């Protein structure tokens, strides 16, 4: 079970809940903090993150517990469904959770306070952009690695395709930095 808030604030790490594989949640990690905030928004204020949130892949969430909750939200009909029927939405997300650990995380995030007093579209947009931008930056690093491995002697068609993907990702990342949620 997750540590009480008082204990969590004293330490930087929270053990991943039972049933999750992967590293412990680093509650001081900007990536984990932003992912947590976005999942909380998707559960508590789905109308603010829909439909953009529903286009996010599970792989955009680096913390296994948050990825599992993202998957449960998707299986429950997504944030768009939540915007239409908020009461039934949380029930469906809990039912879609594969085990008690994910259900406990859904419950925790559905009631945990949002980090900002004023929760609006601008704040939701910032969280959406930050999570997406980190995912784009990770993908850029992966593609750059592929490009380095291919080298100049690689298959020209494959090399061109990888270079094109890198260019598109870099342009998208720049658009997110410049235009924020409008680039989603």
N, C-alpha and C. Protein backbone atom coordinates (compact mmCIF):
# COMPACT_ATOMS: atom_id res chain seq x y z
N UNK A 1 0.84 -1.18 0.00
CA UNK A 1 0.00 0.00 0.00
C UNK A 1 0.88 1.24 0.00
N UNK A 2 0.44 2.30 -0.70
CA UNK A 2 1.23 3.51 -0.73
C UNK A 2 1.38 4.11 0.66
N UNK A 3 2.49 4.78 0.88
CA UNK A 3 2.76 5.40 2.17
C UNK A 3 1.85 6.60 2.37
N UNK A 4 1.46 6.88 3.63
CA UNK A 4 0.66 8.07 3.88
C UNK A 4 1.40 9.32 3.40
N UNK A 5 0.64 10.37 3.13
CA UNK A 5 1.21 11.59 2.57
C UNK A 5 2.34 12.14 3.43
N UNK A 6 2.20 12.08 4.74
CA UNK A 6 3.24 12.61 5.63
C UNK A 6 4.55 11.85 5.44
N UNK A 7 4.46 10.54 5.28
CA UNK A 7 5.67 9.75 5.08
C UNK A 7 6.24 9.99 3.69
N UNK A 8 5.37 10.14 2.69
CA UNK A 8 5.84 10.37 1.32
C UNK A 8 6.62 11.66 1.22
N UNK A 9 6.15 12.70 1.91
CA UNK A 9 6.84 13.98 1.80
C UNK A 9 8.23 13.92 2.44
N UNK A 10 8.42 13.00 3.36
CA UNK A 10 9.72 12.89 4.02
C UNK A 10 10.75 12.20 3.14
N UNK A 11 10.31 11.36 2.22
CA UNK A 11 11.25 10.61 1.38
C UNK A 11 11.03 10.91 -0.08
N UNK A 12 12.03 10.64 -0.88
CA UNK A 12 11.95 10.94 -2.30
C UNK A 12 11.29 9.83 -3.09
N UNK A 13 11.27 8.63 -2.56
CA UNK A 13 10.79 7.50 -3.33
C UNK A 13 9.63 6.81 -2.63
N UNK A 14 8.74 6.30 -3.45
CA UNK A 14 7.64 5.49 -2.96
C UNK A 14 7.78 4.16 -3.68
N UNK A 15 7.72 3.08 -2.94
CA UNK A 15 7.81 1.77 -3.59
C UNK A 15 6.67 1.63 -4.57
N UNK A 16 6.95 1.00 -5.69
CA UNK A 16 5.88 0.74 -6.63
C UNK A 16 4.89 -0.19 -5.95
N UNK A 17 3.58 0.10 -6.06
CA UNK A 17 2.61 -0.77 -5.41
C UNK A 17 2.78 -2.21 -5.87
N UNK A 18 2.37 -3.11 -5.00
CA UNK A 18 2.48 -4.53 -5.30
C UNK A 18 1.80 -4.81 -6.63
N UNK A 19 2.39 -5.65 -7.44
CA UNK A 19 1.80 -5.99 -8.72
C UNK A 19 2.38 -5.19 -9.87
N UNK A 20 3.12 -4.13 -9.60
CA UNK A 20 3.74 -3.34 -10.64
C UNK A 20 5.19 -3.75 -10.78
N UNK A 21 5.63 -3.92 -12.01
CA UNK A 21 7.04 -4.20 -12.20
C UNK A 21 7.70 -2.93 -12.68
N UNK A 22 8.92 -2.75 -12.30
CA UNK A 22 9.63 -1.55 -12.71
C UNK A 22 10.15 -0.81 -11.51
N UNK A 23 10.79 0.33 -11.77
CA UNK A 23 11.40 1.09 -10.68
C UNK A 23 10.34 1.70 -9.77
N UNK A 24 10.76 2.01 -8.55
CA UNK A 24 9.87 2.69 -7.62
C UNK A 24 9.55 4.07 -8.17
N UNK A 25 8.40 4.59 -7.77
CA UNK A 25 8.05 5.94 -8.17
C UNK A 25 8.97 6.92 -7.47
N UNK A 26 9.56 7.80 -8.23
CA UNK A 26 10.36 8.86 -7.65
C UNK A 26 9.46 10.09 -7.63
N UNK A 27 8.92 10.40 -6.46
CA UNK A 27 7.95 11.48 -6.36
C UNK A 27 8.58 12.85 -6.57
N UNK A 28 9.89 12.92 -6.61
CA UNK A 28 10.55 14.19 -6.92
C UNK A 28 10.92 14.29 -8.40
N UNK A 29 10.75 13.22 -9.13
CA UNK A 29 11.02 13.22 -10.56
C UNK A 29 9.99 14.10 -11.27
N UNK A 30 10.44 15.09 -12.04
CA UNK A 30 9.48 15.91 -12.78
C UNK A 30 8.59 15.07 -13.70
N UNK A 31 9.16 14.05 -14.33
CA UNK A 31 8.37 13.20 -15.23
C UNK A 31 7.28 12.46 -14.46
N UNK A 32 7.63 11.82 -13.36
CA UNK A 32 6.63 11.08 -12.58
C UNK A 32 5.59 12.02 -11.98
N UNK A 33 6.04 13.18 -11.52
CA UNK A 33 5.11 14.15 -10.93
C UNK A 33 4.10 14.63 -11.98
N UNK A 34 4.57 14.92 -13.19
CA UNK A 34 3.69 15.38 -14.25
C UNK A 34 2.75 14.27 -14.71
N UNK A 35 3.27 13.05 -14.84
CA UNK A 35 2.42 11.92 -15.22
C UNK A 35 1.32 11.72 -14.19
N UNK A 36 1.68 11.80 -12.92
CA UNK A 36 0.70 11.62 -11.84
C UNK A 36 -0.38 12.70 -11.93
N UNK A 37 0.05 13.93 -12.15
CA UNK A 37 -0.89 15.04 -12.23
C UNK A 37 -1.83 14.87 -13.43
N UNK A 38 -1.30 14.43 -14.56
CA UNK A 38 -2.14 14.23 -15.74
C UNK A 38 -3.14 13.10 -15.52
N UNK A 39 -2.72 12.02 -14.89
CA UNK A 39 -3.65 10.92 -14.59
C UNK A 39 -4.74 11.41 -13.63
N UNK A 40 -4.35 12.20 -12.62
CA UNK A 40 -5.35 12.75 -11.68
C UNK A 40 -6.36 13.62 -12.44
N UNK A 41 -5.88 14.44 -13.36
CA UNK A 41 -6.79 15.26 -14.16
C UNK A 41 -7.72 14.39 -15.00
N UNK A 42 -7.17 13.33 -15.59
CA UNK A 42 -7.99 12.44 -16.42
C UNK A 42 -9.08 11.75 -15.60
N UNK A 43 -8.80 11.48 -14.34
CA UNK A 43 -9.79 10.83 -13.47
C UNK A 43 -10.77 11.83 -12.87
N UNK A 44 -10.28 13.00 -12.44
CA UNK A 44 -11.11 13.96 -11.73
C UNK A 44 -11.76 15.01 -12.63
N UNK A 45 -11.09 15.39 -13.70
CA UNK A 45 -11.58 16.42 -14.62
C UNK A 45 -11.41 15.95 -16.06
N UNK A 46 -12.04 14.84 -16.43
CA UNK A 46 -11.81 14.30 -17.77
C UNK A 46 -12.19 15.27 -18.89
N UNK A 47 -13.14 16.15 -18.63
CA UNK A 47 -13.55 17.11 -19.65
C UNK A 47 -12.43 18.08 -20.01
N UNK A 48 -11.47 18.28 -19.11
CA UNK A 48 -10.37 19.21 -19.38
C UNK A 48 -9.26 18.59 -20.23
N UNK A 49 -9.14 17.28 -20.23
CA UNK A 49 -8.05 16.62 -20.96
C UNK A 49 -8.53 15.84 -22.18
N UNK A 50 -9.84 15.71 -22.32
CA UNK A 50 -10.41 14.97 -23.44
C UNK A 50 -10.58 15.93 -24.62
N UNK A 51 -10.36 15.49 -25.83
CA UNK A 51 -10.01 14.15 -26.29
C UNK A 51 -8.50 13.90 -26.39
N UNK A 52 -7.68 14.91 -26.14
CA UNK A 52 -6.22 14.75 -26.33
C UNK A 52 -5.66 13.59 -25.52
N UNK A 53 -6.08 13.46 -24.26
CA UNK A 53 -5.55 12.40 -23.39
C UNK A 53 -5.76 11.02 -24.00
N UNK A 54 -6.90 10.82 -24.62
CA UNK A 54 -7.21 9.50 -25.17
C UNK A 54 -6.29 9.12 -26.33
N UNK A 55 -5.60 10.09 -26.92
CA UNK A 55 -4.66 9.81 -28.00
C UNK A 55 -3.27 9.45 -27.47
N UNK A 56 -3.07 9.56 -26.16
CA UNK A 56 -1.77 9.25 -25.56
C UNK A 56 -1.63 7.74 -25.41
N UNK A 57 -0.48 7.23 -25.79
CA UNK A 57 -0.21 5.81 -25.62
C UNK A 57 0.21 5.50 -24.20
N UNK A 58 0.00 4.26 -23.82
CA UNK A 58 0.44 3.80 -22.49
C UNK A 58 1.94 4.02 -22.34
N UNK A 59 2.68 3.88 -23.44
CA UNK A 59 4.14 4.03 -23.39
C UNK A 59 4.59 5.46 -23.12
N UNK A 60 3.68 6.43 -23.16
CA UNK A 60 4.05 7.80 -22.84
C UNK A 60 4.16 8.02 -21.33
N UNK A 61 3.72 7.03 -20.56
CA UNK A 61 3.80 7.09 -19.10
C UNK A 61 4.93 6.17 -18.66
N UNK A 62 5.98 6.76 -18.11
CA UNK A 62 7.19 5.99 -17.79
C UNK A 62 7.09 5.24 -16.47
N UNK A 63 6.21 5.66 -15.59
CA UNK A 63 6.03 4.98 -14.31
C UNK A 63 5.01 3.86 -14.49
N UNK A 64 5.39 2.60 -14.23
CA UNK A 64 4.47 1.48 -14.45
C UNK A 64 3.09 1.64 -13.79
N UNK A 65 2.98 2.16 -12.56
CA UNK A 65 1.64 2.33 -11.99
C UNK A 65 0.77 3.29 -12.81
N UNK A 66 1.37 4.36 -13.32
CA UNK A 66 0.60 5.33 -14.10
C UNK A 66 0.24 4.76 -15.47
N UNK A 67 1.14 3.98 -16.04
CA UNK A 67 0.85 3.32 -17.31
C UNK A 67 -0.32 2.35 -17.14
N UNK A 68 -0.35 1.64 -16.01
CA UNK A 68 -1.44 0.70 -15.74
C UNK A 68 -2.77 1.43 -15.58
N UNK A 69 -2.76 2.56 -14.91
CA UNK A 69 -4.00 3.35 -14.76
C UNK A 69 -4.41 3.91 -16.12
N UNK A 70 -3.45 4.36 -16.92
CA UNK A 70 -3.76 4.86 -18.27
C UNK A 70 -4.45 3.77 -19.08
N UNK A 71 -3.94 2.55 -18.99
CA UNK A 71 -4.54 1.42 -19.71
C UNK A 71 -5.97 1.18 -19.22
N UNK A 72 -6.20 1.24 -17.92
CA UNK A 72 -7.54 1.04 -17.36
C UNK A 72 -8.49 2.14 -17.84
N UNK A 73 -8.01 3.37 -17.91
CA UNK A 73 -8.84 4.47 -18.42
C UNK A 73 -9.24 4.19 -19.86
N UNK A 74 -8.28 3.75 -20.65
CA UNK A 74 -8.56 3.42 -22.05
C UNK A 74 -9.61 2.31 -22.16
N UNK A 75 -9.45 1.27 -21.37
CA UNK A 75 -10.38 0.14 -21.42
C UNK A 75 -11.76 0.51 -20.90
N UNK A 76 -11.85 1.59 -20.11
CA UNK A 76 -13.13 2.05 -19.58
C UNK A 76 -13.83 3.03 -20.52
N UNK A 77 -13.24 3.28 -21.67
CA UNK A 77 -13.86 4.18 -22.64
C UNK A 77 -13.14 5.50 -22.80
N UNK A 78 -12.09 5.71 -22.04
CA UNK A 78 -11.28 6.92 -22.17
C UNK A 78 -11.85 8.11 -21.43
N UNK A 79 -11.06 9.17 -21.41
CA UNK A 79 -11.47 10.40 -20.74
C UNK A 79 -12.70 11.00 -21.41
N UNK A 80 -12.85 10.76 -22.70
CA UNK A 80 -14.03 11.27 -23.41
C UNK A 80 -15.31 10.69 -22.80
N UNK A 81 -15.29 9.40 -22.48
CA UNK A 81 -16.44 8.79 -21.80
C UNK A 81 -16.64 9.45 -20.43
N UNK A 82 -15.54 9.69 -19.73
CA UNK A 82 -15.61 10.32 -18.42
C UNK A 82 -16.22 11.70 -18.47
N UNK A 83 -15.95 12.44 -19.54
CA UNK A 83 -16.52 13.78 -19.69
C UNK A 83 -18.03 13.70 -19.88
N UNK A 84 -18.51 12.60 -20.45
CA UNK A 84 -19.95 12.44 -20.71
C UNK A 84 -20.69 11.88 -19.50
N UNK A 85 -20.07 10.99 -18.74
CA UNK A 85 -20.73 10.34 -17.61
C UNK A 85 -19.74 10.17 -16.46
N UNK A 86 -19.45 11.27 -15.73
CA UNK A 86 -18.41 11.24 -14.69
C UNK A 86 -18.66 10.20 -13.59
N UNK A 87 -19.89 9.99 -13.17
CA UNK A 87 -20.17 9.04 -12.09
C UNK A 87 -19.83 7.61 -12.50
N UNK A 88 -20.33 7.21 -13.64
CA UNK A 88 -20.11 5.85 -14.12
C UNK A 88 -18.65 5.63 -14.54
N UNK A 89 -18.01 6.69 -14.97
CA UNK A 89 -16.63 6.63 -15.47
C UNK A 89 -15.67 6.03 -14.45
N UNK A 90 -15.66 6.55 -13.23
CA UNK A 90 -14.72 6.04 -12.22
C UNK A 90 -15.01 4.58 -11.88
N UNK A 91 -16.29 4.22 -11.86
CA UNK A 91 -16.66 2.82 -11.62
C UNK A 91 -16.07 1.95 -12.73
N UNK A 92 -16.23 2.40 -13.97
CA UNK A 92 -15.72 1.62 -15.11
C UNK A 92 -14.19 1.53 -15.10
N UNK A 93 -13.52 2.63 -14.71
CA UNK A 93 -12.05 2.59 -14.66
C UNK A 93 -11.60 1.57 -13.61
N UNK A 94 -12.24 1.60 -12.44
CA UNK A 94 -11.88 0.63 -11.39
C UNK A 94 -12.13 -0.80 -11.85
N UNK A 95 -13.26 -1.01 -12.52
CA UNK A 95 -13.58 -2.36 -13.01
C UNK A 95 -12.60 -2.82 -14.09
N UNK A 96 -12.08 -1.87 -14.87
CA UNK A 96 -11.13 -2.22 -15.94
C UNK A 96 -9.73 -2.51 -15.40
N UNK A 97 -9.47 -2.08 -14.17
CA UNK A 97 -8.15 -2.32 -13.57
C UNK A 97 -7.92 -3.82 -13.43
N UNK A 98 -6.73 -4.29 -13.79
CA UNK A 98 -6.48 -5.73 -13.80
C UNK A 98 -6.31 -6.36 -12.42
N UNK A 99 -6.01 -5.55 -11.40
CA UNK A 99 -5.79 -6.13 -10.07
C UNK A 99 -6.01 -5.08 -8.99
N UNK A 100 -5.91 -5.53 -7.74
CA UNK A 100 -6.15 -4.63 -6.61
C UNK A 100 -5.16 -3.49 -6.54
N UNK A 101 -3.92 -3.72 -6.96
CA UNK A 101 -2.91 -2.65 -6.91
C UNK A 101 -3.30 -1.50 -7.83
N UNK A 102 -3.77 -1.82 -9.02
CA UNK A 102 -4.17 -0.78 -9.96
C UNK A 102 -5.46 -0.12 -9.47
N UNK A 103 -6.39 -0.90 -8.95
CA UNK A 103 -7.63 -0.32 -8.40
C UNK A 103 -7.31 0.65 -7.26
N UNK A 104 -6.36 0.27 -6.40
CA UNK A 104 -5.96 1.15 -5.29
C UNK A 104 -5.35 2.43 -5.83
N UNK A 105 -4.55 2.33 -6.89
CA UNK A 105 -3.94 3.52 -7.48
C UNK A 105 -5.02 4.41 -8.10
N UNK A 106 -6.00 3.82 -8.77
CA UNK A 106 -7.11 4.59 -9.34
C UNK A 106 -7.83 5.35 -8.23
N UNK A 107 -8.15 4.65 -7.15
CA UNK A 107 -8.85 5.28 -6.03
C UNK A 107 -8.03 6.42 -5.44
N UNK A 108 -6.75 6.16 -5.24
CA UNK A 108 -5.86 7.19 -4.67
C UNK A 108 -5.82 8.43 -5.55
N UNK A 109 -5.64 8.25 -6.84
CA UNK A 109 -5.50 9.38 -7.74
C UNK A 109 -6.83 10.08 -8.01
N UNK A 110 -7.93 9.36 -7.85
CA UNK A 110 -9.25 9.96 -8.06
C UNK A 110 -9.63 10.93 -6.94
N UNK A 111 -8.98 10.82 -5.79
CA UNK A 111 -9.32 11.70 -4.66
C UNK A 111 -8.18 12.62 -4.24
N UNK A 112 -6.97 12.35 -4.71
CA UNK A 112 -5.82 13.17 -4.32
C UNK A 112 -5.97 14.58 -4.91
N UNK A 113 -5.62 15.57 -4.11
CA UNK A 113 -5.74 16.96 -4.54
C UNK A 113 -4.84 17.25 -5.74
N UNK A 114 -5.37 18.03 -6.65
CA UNK A 114 -4.58 18.54 -7.78
C UNK A 114 -3.60 19.56 -7.19
N UNK A 115 -2.41 19.66 -7.76
CA UNK A 115 -1.36 20.50 -7.20
C UNK A 115 -1.62 22.00 -7.35
N UNK A 116 -2.62 22.38 -8.09
CA UNK A 116 -2.91 23.79 -8.33
C UNK A 116 -4.31 24.11 -7.83
N UNK A 117 -4.47 25.29 -7.24
CA UNK A 117 -5.78 25.68 -6.72
C UNK A 117 -6.79 25.86 -7.84
N UNK A 118 -6.38 26.52 -8.92
CA UNK A 118 -7.28 26.74 -10.04
C UNK A 118 -7.00 25.69 -11.11
N UNK A 119 -7.96 24.81 -11.29
CA UNK A 119 -7.83 23.74 -12.28
C UNK A 119 -8.64 24.16 -13.49
N UNK A 120 -7.94 24.45 -14.59
CA UNK A 120 -8.61 24.91 -15.79
C UNK A 120 -7.96 24.30 -17.03
N UNK A 121 -8.47 24.68 -18.20
CA UNK A 121 -7.95 24.13 -19.46
C UNK A 121 -6.47 24.46 -19.65
N UNK A 122 -6.05 25.64 -19.20
CA UNK A 122 -4.64 26.02 -19.36
C UNK A 122 -3.74 25.08 -18.56
N UNK A 123 -4.11 24.82 -17.32
CA UNK A 123 -3.31 23.93 -16.48
C UNK A 123 -3.30 22.52 -17.06
N UNK A 124 -4.46 22.05 -17.49
CA UNK A 124 -4.54 20.72 -18.10
C UNK A 124 -3.67 20.66 -19.35
N UNK A 125 -3.70 21.71 -20.15
CA UNK A 125 -2.89 21.77 -21.36
C UNK A 125 -1.40 21.69 -21.07
N UNK A 126 -0.98 22.35 -20.00
CA UNK A 126 0.43 22.31 -19.61
C UNK A 126 0.84 20.88 -19.27
N UNK A 127 0.00 20.17 -18.53
CA UNK A 127 0.32 18.79 -18.15
C UNK A 127 0.35 17.89 -19.38
N UNK A 128 -0.63 18.06 -20.27
CA UNK A 128 -0.66 17.28 -21.50
C UNK A 128 0.61 17.49 -22.32
N UNK A 129 1.01 18.75 -22.47
CA UNK A 129 2.20 19.08 -23.27
C UNK A 129 3.46 18.51 -22.63
N UNK A 130 3.59 18.64 -21.32
CA UNK A 130 4.81 18.16 -20.66
C UNK A 130 4.98 16.65 -20.81
N UNK A 131 3.90 15.89 -20.64
CA UNK A 131 4.00 14.44 -20.80
C UNK A 131 4.32 14.08 -22.25
N UNK A 132 3.64 14.73 -23.20
CA UNK A 132 3.89 14.43 -24.61
C UNK A 132 5.30 14.85 -25.02
N UNK A 133 5.76 15.99 -24.56
CA UNK A 133 7.09 16.48 -24.92
C UNK A 133 8.18 15.53 -24.42
N UNK A 134 8.01 15.02 -23.22
CA UNK A 134 8.99 14.05 -22.71
C UNK A 134 8.99 12.78 -23.57
N UNK A 135 7.80 12.34 -23.99
CA UNK A 135 7.72 11.15 -24.84
C UNK A 135 8.38 11.41 -26.20
N UNK A 136 8.15 12.59 -26.76
CA UNK A 136 8.77 12.94 -28.04
C UNK A 136 10.29 13.00 -27.89
N UNK A 137 10.76 13.61 -26.82
CA UNK A 137 12.21 13.69 -26.58
C UNK A 137 12.83 12.30 -26.43
N UNK A 138 12.12 11.38 -25.74
CA UNK A 138 12.63 10.00 -25.61
C UNK A 138 12.71 9.34 -26.99
N UNK A 139 11.67 9.55 -27.80
CA UNK A 139 11.65 8.95 -29.13
C UNK A 139 12.76 9.53 -30.01
N UNK A 140 13.00 10.83 -29.89
CA UNK A 140 14.10 11.45 -30.65
C UNK A 140 15.42 10.80 -30.28
N UNK A 141 15.66 10.58 -29.00
CA UNK A 141 16.90 9.92 -28.57
C UNK A 141 17.00 8.51 -29.16
N UNK A 142 15.88 7.78 -29.18
CA UNK A 142 15.87 6.43 -29.76
C UNK A 142 16.22 6.47 -31.25
N UNK A 143 15.59 7.40 -31.96
CA UNK A 143 15.82 7.51 -33.40
C UNK A 143 17.26 7.94 -33.68
N UNK A 144 17.79 8.86 -32.87
CA UNK A 144 19.19 9.27 -33.04
C UNK A 144 20.12 8.08 -32.82
N UNK A 145 19.80 7.22 -31.88
CA UNK A 145 20.59 6.01 -31.65
C UNK A 145 20.54 5.09 -32.85
N UNK A 146 19.35 4.92 -33.42
CA UNK A 146 19.20 4.09 -34.62
C UNK A 146 20.01 4.67 -35.76
N UNK A 147 19.95 5.98 -35.91
CA UNK A 147 20.70 6.66 -36.97
C UNK A 147 22.20 6.45 -36.79
N UNK A 148 22.67 6.55 -35.57
CA UNK A 148 24.11 6.34 -35.29
C UNK A 148 24.52 4.91 -35.61
N UNK A 149 23.66 3.94 -35.29
CA UNK A 149 23.97 2.54 -35.57
C UNK A 149 23.98 2.26 -37.07
N UNK A 150 23.09 2.92 -37.80
CA UNK A 150 23.04 2.70 -39.25
C UNK A 150 24.29 3.26 -39.92
N UNK A 151 24.72 4.42 -39.45
CA UNK A 151 25.92 5.03 -40.02
C UNK A 151 25.76 5.35 -41.49
N UNK A 152 26.82 5.82 -42.09
CA UNK A 152 26.80 6.20 -43.50
C UNK A 152 26.69 4.99 -44.42
N UNK A 153 27.09 3.82 -43.95
CA UNK A 153 27.08 2.63 -44.79
C UNK A 153 25.77 1.86 -44.77
N UNK A 154 24.76 2.38 -44.11
CA UNK A 154 23.48 1.68 -44.01
C UNK A 154 22.68 1.73 -45.29
N UNK A 155 21.61 0.96 -45.33
CA UNK A 155 20.70 0.94 -46.46
C UNK A 155 20.16 2.36 -46.69
N UNK A 156 20.34 2.92 -47.89
CA UNK A 156 19.94 4.31 -48.14
C UNK A 156 18.44 4.57 -47.89
N UNK A 157 17.58 3.63 -48.26
CA UNK A 157 16.14 3.82 -48.03
C UNK A 157 15.82 3.85 -46.53
N UNK A 158 16.42 2.93 -45.79
CA UNK A 158 16.19 2.88 -44.35
C UNK A 158 16.75 4.14 -43.69
N UNK A 159 17.93 4.54 -44.11
CA UNK A 159 18.58 5.74 -43.58
C UNK A 159 17.70 6.97 -43.82
N UNK A 160 17.15 7.10 -45.02
CA UNK A 160 16.28 8.22 -45.36
C UNK A 160 15.02 8.20 -44.50
N UNK A 161 14.43 7.03 -44.32
CA UNK A 161 13.22 6.92 -43.50
C UNK A 161 13.49 7.33 -42.06
N UNK A 162 14.62 6.90 -41.51
CA UNK A 162 14.98 7.24 -40.13
C UNK A 162 15.25 8.74 -40.02
N UNK A 163 15.96 9.31 -41.00
CA UNK A 163 16.22 10.75 -40.99
C UNK A 163 14.91 11.55 -41.07
N UNK A 164 13.98 11.08 -41.90
CA UNK A 164 12.68 11.75 -42.01
C UNK A 164 11.92 11.69 -40.69
N UNK A 165 11.93 10.52 -40.05
CA UNK A 165 11.24 10.39 -38.76
C UNK A 165 11.85 11.34 -37.74
N UNK A 166 13.17 11.42 -37.72
CA UNK A 166 13.85 12.31 -36.79
C UNK A 166 13.44 13.76 -37.05
N UNK A 167 13.40 14.16 -38.31
CA UNK A 167 13.04 15.53 -38.65
C UNK A 167 11.60 15.83 -38.20
N UNK A 168 10.68 14.91 -38.48
CA UNK A 168 9.28 15.11 -38.08
C UNK A 168 9.16 15.22 -36.56
N UNK A 169 9.84 14.36 -35.84
CA UNK A 169 9.80 14.41 -34.37
C UNK A 169 10.38 15.73 -33.85
N UNK A 170 11.48 16.18 -34.44
CA UNK A 170 12.08 17.43 -34.00
C UNK A 170 11.15 18.61 -34.27
N UNK A 171 10.47 18.60 -35.41
CA UNK A 171 9.52 19.66 -35.73
C UNK A 171 8.34 19.65 -34.76
N UNK A 172 7.85 18.46 -34.45
CA UNK A 172 6.73 18.33 -33.51
C UNK A 172 7.15 18.80 -32.12
N UNK A 173 8.33 18.41 -31.67
CA UNK A 173 8.83 18.86 -30.38
C UNK A 173 8.95 20.37 -30.32
N UNK A 174 9.45 20.97 -31.40
CA UNK A 174 9.56 22.44 -31.46
C UNK A 174 8.18 23.08 -31.41
N UNK A 175 7.22 22.51 -32.12
CA UNK A 175 5.85 23.05 -32.11
C UNK A 175 5.25 22.98 -30.71
N UNK A 176 5.48 21.88 -30.01
CA UNK A 176 4.98 21.76 -28.63
C UNK A 176 5.61 22.82 -27.73
N UNK A 177 6.90 23.06 -27.91
CA UNK A 177 7.59 24.07 -27.08
C UNK A 177 7.07 25.48 -27.38
N UNK A 178 6.79 25.74 -28.65
CA UNK A 178 6.38 27.09 -29.05
C UNK A 178 4.88 27.34 -28.87
N UNK A 179 4.06 26.36 -29.20
CA UNK A 179 2.61 26.58 -29.21
C UNK A 179 1.85 25.86 -28.11
N UNK A 180 2.55 25.04 -27.34
CA UNK A 180 1.91 24.35 -26.23
C UNK A 180 0.79 23.43 -26.69
N UNK A 181 -0.32 23.46 -25.98
CA UNK A 181 -1.43 22.55 -26.24
C UNK A 181 -2.03 22.73 -27.63
N UNK A 182 -1.85 23.89 -28.24
CA UNK A 182 -2.36 24.10 -29.60
C UNK A 182 -1.67 23.17 -30.60
N UNK A 183 -0.49 22.68 -30.27
CA UNK A 183 0.26 21.79 -31.17
C UNK A 183 -0.17 20.33 -31.02
N UNK A 184 -0.95 20.03 -29.98
CA UNK A 184 -1.41 18.65 -29.80
C UNK A 184 -2.39 18.36 -30.90
